[in-house]
């Protein structure tokens, strides 16, 4: 599983011109499930994201977590993160989890964040052509990768 974690001032996702999810200050998460990922991996990702200290404290040091600041999360499925371009120029997605299982794993990341107490967790629409709007903060962007 791969998750791109980006600190944002705000973020939203739209499908067919209608907003399906929006957050204020917090984290935009682009989540890709790889073939063979397990429920435990999704739980680990949620725990890591919720506790990652990437928000500034009173001195401007990155020392506060999403939970510490009462931030929100927008979870977007992004299977293209597991794309492989080591051969040729067109990405191969053979390493991606099957769609039905991937949907469950992305949902499990969002559910894990809710269980951990994240103030608000919105999601995109799995498999849809989504348009994402975000105001990145910092920018602070981190890639989590757990096989």
N, C-alpha and C. Protein backbone atom coordinates (compact mmCIF):
# COMPACT_ATOMS: atom_id res chain seq x y z
N UNK A 1 0.85 -1.17 0.00
CA UNK A 1 0.00 0.00 0.00
C UNK A 1 0.89 1.23 0.00
N UNK A 2 0.49 2.19 -0.78
CA UNK A 2 1.18 3.47 -0.83
C UNK A 2 0.18 4.57 -0.52
N UNK A 3 0.64 5.55 0.26
CA UNK A 3 -0.19 6.71 0.56
C UNK A 3 0.66 7.96 0.42
N UNK A 4 0.21 8.89 -0.42
CA UNK A 4 0.83 10.20 -0.49
C UNK A 4 0.07 11.08 0.49
N UNK A 5 0.80 11.61 1.47
CA UNK A 5 0.22 12.43 2.53
C UNK A 5 0.63 13.87 2.26
N UNK A 6 -0.34 14.75 2.08
CA UNK A 6 -0.04 16.15 1.82
C UNK A 6 -0.79 17.03 2.80
N UNK A 7 -0.04 17.88 3.50
CA UNK A 7 -0.66 18.82 4.43
C UNK A 7 -1.33 19.93 3.61
N UNK A 8 -2.60 20.20 3.92
CA UNK A 8 -3.37 21.18 3.15
C UNK A 8 -4.08 22.17 4.06
N UNK A 9 -4.33 23.35 3.52
CA UNK A 9 -5.19 24.32 4.19
C UNK A 9 -6.64 24.01 3.91
N UNK A 10 -6.87 23.42 2.71
CA UNK A 10 -8.21 22.97 2.32
C UNK A 10 -8.05 22.03 1.14
N UNK A 11 -9.04 21.16 0.96
CA UNK A 11 -9.03 20.27 -0.20
C UNK A 11 -10.45 19.81 -0.47
N UNK A 12 -10.74 19.55 -1.73
CA UNK A 12 -12.06 19.04 -2.09
C UNK A 12 -11.92 18.13 -3.30
N UNK A 13 -12.93 17.28 -3.48
CA UNK A 13 -12.96 16.37 -4.62
C UNK A 13 -14.36 16.42 -5.23
N UNK A 14 -14.41 16.49 -6.56
CA UNK A 14 -15.68 16.57 -7.28
C UNK A 14 -15.77 15.44 -8.30
N UNK A 15 -16.99 14.99 -8.52
CA UNK A 15 -17.29 13.99 -9.54
C UNK A 15 -18.44 14.55 -10.37
N UNK A 16 -18.27 14.60 -11.67
CA UNK A 16 -19.30 15.15 -12.58
C UNK A 16 -19.76 16.54 -12.14
N UNK A 17 -18.82 17.36 -11.70
CA UNK A 17 -19.10 18.75 -11.33
C UNK A 17 -19.71 18.93 -9.94
N UNK A 18 -19.96 17.85 -9.22
CA UNK A 18 -20.56 17.95 -7.88
C UNK A 18 -19.52 17.58 -6.83
N UNK A 19 -19.40 18.40 -5.81
CA UNK A 19 -18.47 18.14 -4.72
C UNK A 19 -18.95 16.92 -3.93
N UNK A 20 -18.07 15.92 -3.77
CA UNK A 20 -18.43 14.72 -3.01
C UNK A 20 -17.66 14.63 -1.70
N UNK A 21 -16.69 15.52 -1.50
CA UNK A 21 -15.93 15.54 -0.26
C UNK A 21 -15.12 16.81 -0.16
N UNK A 22 -15.04 17.37 1.04
CA UNK A 22 -14.28 18.60 1.25
C UNK A 22 -13.82 18.68 2.69
N UNK A 23 -12.61 19.21 2.88
CA UNK A 23 -12.09 19.40 4.23
C UNK A 23 -11.46 20.78 4.36
N UNK A 24 -11.31 21.20 5.60
CA UNK A 24 -10.53 22.38 5.92
C UNK A 24 -9.10 21.95 6.19
N UNK A 25 -8.42 22.62 7.11
CA UNK A 25 -7.03 22.27 7.39
C UNK A 25 -6.87 20.80 7.81
N UNK A 26 -5.86 20.16 7.21
CA UNK A 26 -5.63 18.76 7.55
C UNK A 26 -4.75 18.09 6.52
N UNK A 27 -5.14 16.86 6.14
CA UNK A 27 -4.34 16.06 5.24
C UNK A 27 -5.15 15.54 4.06
N UNK A 28 -4.58 15.67 2.87
CA UNK A 28 -5.09 15.05 1.66
C UNK A 28 -4.31 13.76 1.48
N UNK A 29 -5.02 12.64 1.38
CA UNK A 29 -4.39 11.33 1.28
C UNK A 29 -4.74 10.69 -0.06
N UNK A 30 -3.73 10.38 -0.85
CA UNK A 30 -3.91 9.63 -2.09
C UNK A 30 -3.49 8.20 -1.78
N UNK A 31 -4.42 7.27 -1.84
CA UNK A 31 -4.21 5.91 -1.35
C UNK A 31 -4.27 4.90 -2.48
N UNK A 32 -3.22 4.05 -2.57
CA UNK A 32 -3.17 2.98 -3.56
C UNK A 32 -2.98 1.65 -2.86
N UNK A 33 -3.87 0.72 -3.15
CA UNK A 33 -3.74 -0.64 -2.61
C UNK A 33 -3.00 -1.49 -3.63
N UNK A 34 -1.96 -2.16 -3.16
CA UNK A 34 -1.18 -3.04 -4.03
C UNK A 34 -1.69 -4.47 -3.88
N UNK A 35 -1.43 -5.28 -4.89
CA UNK A 35 -1.85 -6.68 -4.86
C UNK A 35 -1.32 -7.34 -3.59
N UNK A 36 -2.20 -8.02 -2.88
CA UNK A 36 -1.81 -8.73 -1.68
C UNK A 36 -1.86 -7.92 -0.40
N UNK A 37 -2.20 -6.63 -0.48
CA UNK A 37 -2.32 -5.84 0.75
C UNK A 37 -3.39 -6.44 1.66
N UNK A 38 -3.16 -6.31 2.95
CA UNK A 38 -4.07 -6.89 3.94
C UNK A 38 -4.75 -5.80 4.76
N UNK A 39 -5.78 -6.17 5.49
CA UNK A 39 -6.49 -5.23 6.37
C UNK A 39 -5.53 -4.61 7.38
N UNK A 40 -4.56 -5.39 7.85
CA UNK A 40 -3.59 -4.89 8.82
C UNK A 40 -2.77 -3.74 8.24
N UNK A 41 -2.52 -3.80 6.96
CA UNK A 41 -1.76 -2.73 6.30
C UNK A 41 -2.57 -1.44 6.31
N UNK A 42 -3.85 -1.53 6.03
CA UNK A 42 -4.71 -0.35 6.05
C UNK A 42 -4.78 0.24 7.45
N UNK A 43 -4.88 -0.61 8.47
CA UNK A 43 -4.92 -0.14 9.85
C UNK A 43 -3.61 0.55 10.23
N UNK A 44 -2.48 -0.03 9.79
CA UNK A 44 -1.17 0.57 10.05
C UNK A 44 -1.08 1.95 9.41
N UNK A 45 -1.54 2.05 8.17
CA UNK A 45 -1.50 3.33 7.45
C UNK A 45 -2.32 4.38 8.19
N UNK A 46 -3.53 4.02 8.60
CA UNK A 46 -4.38 4.97 9.31
C UNK A 46 -3.70 5.44 10.60
N UNK A 47 -3.12 4.52 11.34
CA UNK A 47 -2.44 4.87 12.58
C UNK A 47 -1.24 5.77 12.32
N UNK A 48 -0.47 5.44 11.29
CA UNK A 48 0.71 6.24 10.96
C UNK A 48 0.31 7.65 10.53
N UNK A 49 -0.72 7.76 9.70
CA UNK A 49 -1.17 9.07 9.22
C UNK A 49 -1.69 9.92 10.38
N UNK A 50 -2.53 9.34 11.22
CA UNK A 50 -3.13 10.10 12.33
C UNK A 50 -2.08 10.60 13.31
N UNK A 51 -1.00 9.83 13.49
CA UNK A 51 0.00 10.20 14.48
C UNK A 51 1.24 10.88 13.94
N UNK A 52 1.33 11.02 12.61
CA UNK A 52 2.50 11.64 11.99
C UNK A 52 2.62 13.10 12.41
N UNK A 53 3.76 13.47 12.95
CA UNK A 53 3.94 14.84 13.47
C UNK A 53 4.47 15.75 12.36
N UNK A 54 3.53 16.29 11.57
CA UNK A 54 3.93 17.15 10.45
C UNK A 54 3.23 18.51 10.48
N UNK A 55 2.61 18.82 11.61
CA UNK A 55 1.99 20.14 11.78
C UNK A 55 2.85 20.95 12.74
N UNK A 56 2.92 22.26 12.52
CA UNK A 56 3.82 23.08 13.34
C UNK A 56 3.30 23.28 14.76
N UNK A 57 4.26 23.33 15.70
CA UNK A 57 3.93 23.70 17.08
C UNK A 57 4.06 25.22 17.21
N UNK A 58 4.04 25.72 18.43
CA UNK A 58 4.11 27.18 18.66
C UNK A 58 5.42 27.79 18.19
N UNK A 59 6.45 26.97 18.06
CA UNK A 59 7.75 27.47 17.61
C UNK A 59 7.97 27.24 16.12
N UNK A 60 6.96 26.70 15.45
CA UNK A 60 7.08 26.47 14.01
C UNK A 60 7.72 25.14 13.66
N UNK A 61 8.05 24.32 14.65
CA UNK A 61 8.64 23.00 14.40
C UNK A 61 7.54 22.00 14.09
N UNK A 62 7.81 21.08 13.18
CA UNK A 62 6.84 20.03 12.89
C UNK A 62 6.83 19.06 14.06
N UNK A 63 5.87 19.23 14.96
CA UNK A 63 5.84 18.41 16.17
C UNK A 63 4.42 18.06 16.60
N UNK A 64 3.43 18.36 15.76
CA UNK A 64 2.04 18.03 16.10
C UNK A 64 1.44 17.13 15.03
N UNK A 65 0.54 16.27 15.50
CA UNK A 65 -0.11 15.32 14.59
C UNK A 65 -1.48 15.85 14.16
N UNK A 66 -2.08 15.13 13.23
CA UNK A 66 -3.44 15.44 12.79
C UNK A 66 -4.39 15.42 13.98
N UNK A 67 -4.22 14.46 14.86
CA UNK A 67 -5.06 14.37 16.06
C UNK A 67 -4.80 15.54 17.01
N UNK A 68 -3.53 15.93 17.16
CA UNK A 68 -3.17 17.03 18.06
C UNK A 68 -3.82 18.34 17.63
N UNK A 69 -3.89 18.58 16.31
CA UNK A 69 -4.39 19.87 15.82
C UNK A 69 -5.89 19.84 15.49
N UNK A 70 -6.52 18.68 15.65
CA UNK A 70 -7.94 18.57 15.30
C UNK A 70 -8.18 18.71 13.81
N UNK A 71 -7.22 18.26 13.01
CA UNK A 71 -7.32 18.40 11.56
C UNK A 71 -8.26 17.38 10.94
N UNK A 72 -8.53 17.59 9.67
CA UNK A 72 -9.45 16.76 8.90
C UNK A 72 -8.68 15.98 7.85
N UNK A 73 -9.32 14.97 7.26
CA UNK A 73 -8.65 14.15 6.24
C UNK A 73 -9.58 13.92 5.05
N UNK A 74 -9.00 14.00 3.87
CA UNK A 74 -9.71 13.68 2.63
C UNK A 74 -8.98 12.51 2.00
N UNK A 75 -9.67 11.36 1.91
CA UNK A 75 -9.08 10.11 1.42
C UNK A 75 -9.55 9.87 -0.01
N UNK A 76 -8.58 9.77 -0.93
CA UNK A 76 -8.86 9.59 -2.35
C UNK A 76 -8.16 8.33 -2.83
N UNK A 77 -8.88 7.44 -3.50
CA UNK A 77 -8.23 6.27 -4.09
C UNK A 77 -7.42 6.71 -5.30
N UNK A 78 -6.21 6.14 -5.43
CA UNK A 78 -5.30 6.56 -6.51
C UNK A 78 -4.45 5.38 -6.93
N UNK A 79 -5.05 4.44 -7.66
CA UNK A 79 -4.35 3.22 -8.03
C UNK A 79 -3.11 3.48 -8.87
N UNK A 80 -3.03 4.64 -9.52
CA UNK A 80 -1.90 4.93 -10.39
C UNK A 80 -0.59 5.04 -9.60
N UNK A 81 -0.65 5.16 -8.29
CA UNK A 81 0.57 5.22 -7.48
C UNK A 81 1.37 3.93 -7.56
N UNK A 82 0.72 2.83 -7.89
CA UNK A 82 1.46 1.57 -8.01
C UNK A 82 1.85 1.29 -9.46
N UNK A 83 1.67 2.27 -10.32
CA UNK A 83 2.07 2.12 -11.72
C UNK A 83 3.57 1.90 -11.86
N UNK A 84 3.94 1.01 -12.74
CA UNK A 84 5.33 0.67 -12.96
C UNK A 84 5.71 1.09 -14.38
N UNK A 85 6.73 1.94 -14.49
CA UNK A 85 7.19 2.39 -15.80
C UNK A 85 8.65 1.98 -16.04
N UNK A 86 9.05 0.89 -15.37
CA UNK A 86 10.43 0.44 -15.54
C UNK A 86 10.69 -0.15 -16.92
N UNK A 87 9.63 -0.60 -17.59
CA UNK A 87 9.75 -1.11 -18.96
C UNK A 87 8.80 -0.32 -19.84
N UNK A 88 9.31 0.21 -20.91
CA UNK A 88 8.46 0.99 -21.82
C UNK A 88 8.08 2.33 -21.23
N UNK A 89 7.09 2.95 -21.83
CA UNK A 89 6.68 4.30 -21.41
C UNK A 89 5.25 4.38 -20.90
N UNK A 90 4.50 3.31 -21.12
CA UNK A 90 3.13 3.28 -20.60
C UNK A 90 3.14 2.51 -19.28
N UNK A 91 2.55 3.08 -18.23
CA UNK A 91 2.57 2.40 -16.93
C UNK A 91 1.83 1.07 -16.96
N UNK A 92 2.38 0.13 -16.23
CA UNK A 92 1.72 -1.15 -16.00
C UNK A 92 1.11 -1.11 -14.61
N UNK A 93 -0.12 -1.54 -14.51
CA UNK A 93 -0.81 -1.53 -13.21
C UNK A 93 -1.03 -2.94 -12.69
N UNK A 94 -0.21 -3.87 -13.15
CA UNK A 94 -0.34 -5.25 -12.72
C UNK A 94 -0.14 -5.40 -11.21
N UNK A 95 0.57 -4.46 -10.60
CA UNK A 95 0.82 -4.51 -9.16
C UNK A 95 -0.31 -3.96 -8.31
N UNK A 96 -1.36 -3.45 -8.94
CA UNK A 96 -2.50 -2.90 -8.19
C UNK A 96 -3.42 -4.04 -7.73
N UNK A 97 -4.04 -3.83 -6.60
CA UNK A 97 -5.02 -4.78 -6.08
C UNK A 97 -6.26 -4.76 -6.98
N UNK A 98 -6.98 -5.86 -7.02
CA UNK A 98 -8.23 -5.92 -7.79
C UNK A 98 -9.19 -4.86 -7.26
N UNK A 99 -9.97 -4.22 -8.15
CA UNK A 99 -10.80 -3.10 -7.75
C UNK A 99 -11.71 -3.35 -6.53
N UNK A 100 -12.41 -4.46 -6.47
CA UNK A 100 -13.33 -4.69 -5.35
C UNK A 100 -12.58 -4.73 -4.03
N UNK A 101 -11.45 -5.41 -4.01
CA UNK A 101 -10.65 -5.49 -2.78
C UNK A 101 -9.98 -4.16 -2.48
N UNK A 102 -9.50 -3.47 -3.50
CA UNK A 102 -8.86 -2.16 -3.31
C UNK A 102 -9.84 -1.17 -2.70
N UNK A 103 -11.08 -1.20 -3.16
CA UNK A 103 -12.11 -0.32 -2.61
C UNK A 103 -12.26 -0.56 -1.11
N UNK A 104 -12.30 -1.82 -0.71
CA UNK A 104 -12.43 -2.15 0.72
C UNK A 104 -11.22 -1.65 1.52
N UNK A 105 -10.04 -1.75 0.95
CA UNK A 105 -8.84 -1.32 1.66
C UNK A 105 -8.78 0.20 1.81
N UNK A 106 -9.16 0.93 0.76
CA UNK A 106 -9.20 2.39 0.85
C UNK A 106 -10.23 2.80 1.89
N UNK A 107 -11.40 2.16 1.87
CA UNK A 107 -12.41 2.43 2.89
C UNK A 107 -11.89 2.12 4.29
N UNK A 108 -11.07 1.06 4.41
CA UNK A 108 -10.53 0.68 5.71
C UNK A 108 -9.57 1.74 6.25
N UNK A 109 -8.81 2.39 5.38
CA UNK A 109 -7.94 3.49 5.82
C UNK A 109 -8.81 4.62 6.39
N UNK A 110 -9.85 5.00 5.66
CA UNK A 110 -10.75 6.07 6.13
C UNK A 110 -11.42 5.67 7.44
N UNK A 111 -11.90 4.44 7.53
CA UNK A 111 -12.56 3.97 8.75
C UNK A 111 -11.59 3.97 9.92
N UNK A 112 -10.35 3.59 9.66
CA UNK A 112 -9.34 3.60 10.71
C UNK A 112 -9.09 5.00 11.24
N UNK A 113 -9.04 5.98 10.36
CA UNK A 113 -8.87 7.38 10.79
C UNK A 113 -10.04 7.82 11.66
N UNK A 114 -11.24 7.43 11.26
CA UNK A 114 -12.42 7.78 12.07
C UNK A 114 -12.34 7.14 13.45
N UNK A 115 -11.98 5.86 13.49
CA UNK A 115 -11.86 5.14 14.77
C UNK A 115 -10.82 5.78 15.68
N UNK A 116 -9.77 6.30 15.10
CA UNK A 116 -8.71 6.92 15.89
C UNK A 116 -9.08 8.31 16.39
N UNK A 117 -10.19 8.86 15.89
CA UNK A 117 -10.67 10.14 16.39
C UNK A 117 -10.39 11.34 15.52
N UNK A 118 -10.05 11.13 14.26
CA UNK A 118 -9.86 12.27 13.35
C UNK A 118 -11.20 13.01 13.24
N UNK A 119 -11.14 14.34 13.39
CA UNK A 119 -12.33 15.18 13.49
C UNK A 119 -13.33 14.96 12.35
N UNK A 120 -12.84 14.95 11.12
CA UNK A 120 -13.69 14.77 9.94
C UNK A 120 -12.90 14.00 8.90
N UNK A 121 -13.52 12.98 8.33
CA UNK A 121 -12.89 12.19 7.27
C UNK A 121 -13.87 12.11 6.11
N UNK A 122 -13.52 12.72 4.99
CA UNK A 122 -14.31 12.63 3.76
C UNK A 122 -13.55 11.76 2.78
N UNK A 123 -14.28 11.28 1.77
CA UNK A 123 -13.67 10.42 0.77
C UNK A 123 -14.10 10.82 -0.63
N UNK A 124 -13.28 10.44 -1.59
CA UNK A 124 -13.65 10.55 -2.99
C UNK A 124 -14.58 9.39 -3.33
N UNK A 125 -14.84 9.21 -4.61
CA UNK A 125 -15.69 8.11 -5.07
C UNK A 125 -14.83 7.12 -5.84
N UNK A 126 -14.70 5.93 -5.30
CA UNK A 126 -13.82 4.92 -5.87
C UNK A 126 -14.18 4.66 -7.34
N UNK A 127 -13.17 4.65 -8.20
CA UNK A 127 -13.36 4.33 -9.61
C UNK A 127 -13.89 5.45 -10.47
N UNK A 128 -14.22 6.58 -9.87
CA UNK A 128 -14.78 7.70 -10.63
C UNK A 128 -13.67 8.58 -11.19
N UNK A 129 -14.01 9.37 -12.19
CA UNK A 129 -13.11 10.39 -12.71
C UNK A 129 -13.25 11.59 -11.77
N UNK A 130 -12.28 11.75 -10.89
CA UNK A 130 -12.38 12.77 -9.85
C UNK A 130 -11.52 13.98 -10.19
N UNK A 131 -11.99 15.13 -9.80
CA UNK A 131 -11.24 16.38 -9.91
C UNK A 131 -10.93 16.83 -8.48
N UNK A 132 -9.65 17.00 -8.20
CA UNK A 132 -9.21 17.34 -6.85
C UNK A 132 -8.68 18.77 -6.85
N UNK A 133 -9.15 19.54 -5.88
CA UNK A 133 -8.68 20.90 -5.69
C UNK A 133 -8.08 20.96 -4.29
N UNK A 134 -6.84 21.47 -4.18
CA UNK A 134 -6.18 21.52 -2.89
C UNK A 134 -5.29 22.74 -2.78
N UNK A 135 -5.25 23.31 -1.60
CA UNK A 135 -4.31 24.37 -1.28
C UNK A 135 -3.27 23.74 -0.34
N UNK A 136 -2.14 23.37 -0.92
CA UNK A 136 -1.11 22.68 -0.15
C UNK A 136 -0.47 23.64 0.84
N UNK A 137 -0.15 23.14 2.01
CA UNK A 137 0.40 23.94 3.09
C UNK A 137 1.85 23.55 3.32
N UNK A 138 2.75 24.45 3.07
CA UNK A 138 4.16 24.21 3.29
C UNK A 138 4.98 24.44 2.03
N UNK A 139 4.94 23.59 1.07
CA UNK A 139 4.23 22.31 1.03
C UNK A 139 4.94 21.24 1.87
N UNK A 140 4.13 20.39 2.46
CA UNK A 140 4.63 19.22 3.18
C UNK A 140 3.97 18.02 2.55
N UNK A 141 4.76 17.17 1.91
CA UNK A 141 4.24 15.98 1.23
C UNK A 141 5.17 14.81 1.53
N UNK A 142 4.57 13.71 1.99
CA UNK A 142 5.34 12.53 2.38
C UNK A 142 4.72 11.30 1.73
N UNK A 143 5.58 10.40 1.28
CA UNK A 143 5.12 9.13 0.71
C UNK A 143 5.31 8.03 1.73
N UNK A 144 4.22 7.36 2.09
CA UNK A 144 4.28 6.18 2.95
C UNK A 144 4.14 4.97 2.04
N UNK A 145 5.01 3.99 2.22
CA UNK A 145 4.99 2.79 1.39
C UNK A 145 5.18 1.60 2.31
N UNK A 146 4.19 0.73 2.31
CA UNK A 146 4.25 -0.47 3.17
C UNK A 146 3.80 -1.66 2.35
N UNK A 147 4.72 -2.57 2.13
CA UNK A 147 4.39 -3.76 1.35
C UNK A 147 3.97 -4.88 2.27
